[in-house]
């Protein structure tokens, strides 16, 4: 879409930032709240080494990273 001789996509990209900045804004602004809170709670309530040796924290973080990618694209 042309707007005053420029491309609206570049204007929107300048206002919102590139993919990387939008990705990390989404991750830390929305997608990581529950996973990080859950991980910290589990670390406080249970043995940290036992919890970190299991797959749960890594699956939570991986899902949050994937969710951010899907929401930003």
C-alpha atoms as a PDB file:
ATOM      1  CA  UNK A   1       0.000   0.000   0.000  1.00  0.00           C
ATOM      2  CA  UNK A   2       1.426   3.337  -1.048  1.00  0.00           C
ATOM      3  CA  UNK A   3       1.212   6.245   1.357  1.00  0.00           C
ATOM      4  CA  UNK A   4       2.745   9.629   0.509  1.00  0.00           C
ATOM      5  CA  UNK A   5       5.187   7.983  -1.841  1.00  0.00           C
ATOM      6  CA  UNK A   6       6.437   5.474   0.765  1.00  0.00           C
ATOM      7  CA  UNK A   7       5.612   1.932   1.642  1.00  0.00           C
ATOM      8  CA  UNK A   8       3.297   1.393   4.643  1.00  0.00           C
ATOM      9  CA  UNK A   9       5.093  -1.829   5.515  1.00  0.00           C
ATOM     10  CA  UNK A  10       8.310   0.048   6.188  1.00  0.00           C
ATOM     11  CA  UNK A  11       6.457   2.679   8.226  1.00  0.00           C
ATOM     12  CA  UNK A  12       4.776   0.010  10.343  1.00  0.00           C
ATOM     13  CA  UNK A  13       8.088  -1.808  10.735  1.00  0.00           C
ATOM     14  CA  UNK A  14       9.763   1.397  11.872  1.00  0.00           C
ATOM     15  CA  UNK A  15       7.032   2.028  14.432  1.00  0.00           C
ATOM     16  CA  UNK A  16       6.839  -1.536  15.736  1.00  0.00           C
ATOM     17  CA  UNK A  17      10.445  -2.582  15.246  1.00  0.00           C
ATOM     18  CA  UNK A  18      11.853  -5.611  13.522  1.00  0.00           C
ATOM     19  CA  UNK A  19      10.985  -9.237  14.145  1.00  0.00           C
ATOM     20  CA  UNK A  20      13.560  -9.648  16.905  1.00  0.00           C
ATOM     21  CA  UNK A  21      12.418  -6.712  18.979  1.00  0.00           C
ATOM     22  CA  UNK A  22       8.746  -7.594  18.557  1.00  0.00           C
ATOM     23  CA  UNK A  23       9.523 -11.224  19.466  1.00  0.00           C
ATOM     24  CA  UNK A  24      11.256 -10.381  22.749  1.00  0.00           C
ATOM     25  CA  UNK A  25       8.604  -7.801  23.619  1.00  0.00           C
ATOM     26  CA  UNK A  26       5.931 -10.467  23.186  1.00  0.00           C
ATOM     27  CA  UNK A  27       7.939 -13.054  25.085  1.00  0.00           C
ATOM     28  CA  UNK A  28       8.675 -10.923  28.142  1.00  0.00           C
ATOM     29  CA  UNK A  29       5.467  -8.909  27.900  1.00  0.00           C
ATOM     30  CA  UNK A  30       2.968 -11.775  27.712  1.00  0.00           C
ATOM     31  CA  UNK A  31       4.120 -15.285  26.893  1.00  0.00           C
ATOM     32  CA  UNK A  32       6.678 -15.843  29.644  1.00  0.00           C
ATOM     33  CA  UNK A  33       4.615 -14.762  32.665  1.00  0.00           C
ATOM     34  CA  UNK A  34       3.120 -18.117  33.580  1.00  0.00           C
ATOM     35  CA  UNK A  35       6.123 -20.319  32.702  1.00  0.00           C
ATOM     36  CA  UNK A  36       8.588 -18.180  34.654  1.00  0.00           C
ATOM     37  CA  UNK A  37       6.255 -17.872  37.657  1.00  0.00           C
ATOM     38  CA  UNK A  38       5.645 -21.620  37.639  1.00  0.00           C
ATOM     39  CA  UNK A  39       9.355 -22.399  37.388  1.00  0.00           C
ATOM     40  CA  UNK A  40      10.250 -20.030  40.247  1.00  0.00           C
ATOM     41  CA  UNK A  41       7.470 -21.443  42.427  1.00  0.00           C
ATOM     42  CA  UNK A  42       8.614 -25.004  41.811  1.00  0.00           C
ATOM     43  CA  UNK A  43      12.210 -24.014  42.609  1.00  0.00           C
ATOM     44  CA  UNK A  44      11.090 -22.486  45.904  1.00  0.00           C
ATOM     45  CA  UNK A  45       8.831 -25.369  46.922  1.00  0.00           C
ATOM     46  CA  UNK A  46      10.913 -28.359  45.820  1.00  0.00           C
ATOM     47  CA  UNK A  47      14.509 -29.407  45.365  1.00  0.00           C
ATOM     48  CA  UNK A  48      16.006 -27.238  42.633  1.00  0.00           C
ATOM     49  CA  UNK A  49      18.365 -29.863  41.209  1.00  0.00           C
ATOM     50  CA  UNK A  50      15.617 -32.478  41.008  1.00  0.00           C
ATOM     51  CA  UNK A  51      13.252 -30.056  39.283  1.00  0.00           C
ATOM     52  CA  UNK A  52      15.867 -28.789  36.827  1.00  0.00           C
ATOM     53  CA  UNK A  53      16.881 -32.326  35.915  1.00  0.00           C
ATOM     54  CA  UNK A  54      13.352 -33.086  34.679  1.00  0.00           C
ATOM     55  CA  UNK A  55      11.777 -31.959  31.404  1.00  0.00           C
ATOM     56  CA  UNK A  56       9.098 -29.668  32.883  1.00  0.00           C
ATOM     57  CA  UNK A  57      10.910 -26.295  33.012  1.00  0.00           C
ATOM     58  CA  UNK A  58      12.386 -26.765  29.562  1.00  0.00           C
ATOM     59  CA  UNK A  59       9.060 -27.705  28.013  1.00  0.00           C
ATOM     60  CA  UNK A  60       7.425 -24.654  29.602  1.00  0.00           C
ATOM     61  CA  UNK A  61      10.123 -22.326  28.286  1.00  0.00           C
ATOM     62  CA  UNK A  62      10.088 -23.967  24.863  1.00  0.00           C
ATOM     63  CA  UNK A  63       6.324 -23.597  24.630  1.00  0.00           C
ATOM     64  CA  UNK A  64       6.558 -19.924  25.630  1.00  0.00           C
ATOM     65  CA  UNK A  65       9.257 -19.304  23.019  1.00  0.00           C
ATOM     66  CA  UNK A  66       7.161 -21.040  20.368  1.00  0.00           C
ATOM     67  CA  UNK A  67       4.046 -19.126  21.359  1.00  0.00           C
ATOM     68  CA  UNK A  68       5.895 -15.842  21.018  1.00  0.00           C
ATOM     69  CA  UNK A  69       7.088 -16.795  17.564  1.00  0.00           C
ATOM     70  CA  UNK A  70       3.608 -17.729  16.410  1.00  0.00           C
ATOM     71  CA  UNK A  71       2.042 -14.557  17.780  1.00  0.00           C
ATOM     72  CA  UNK A  72       4.625 -12.226  16.234  1.00  0.00           C
ATOM     73  CA  UNK A  73       4.733 -13.632  12.709  1.00  0.00           C
END
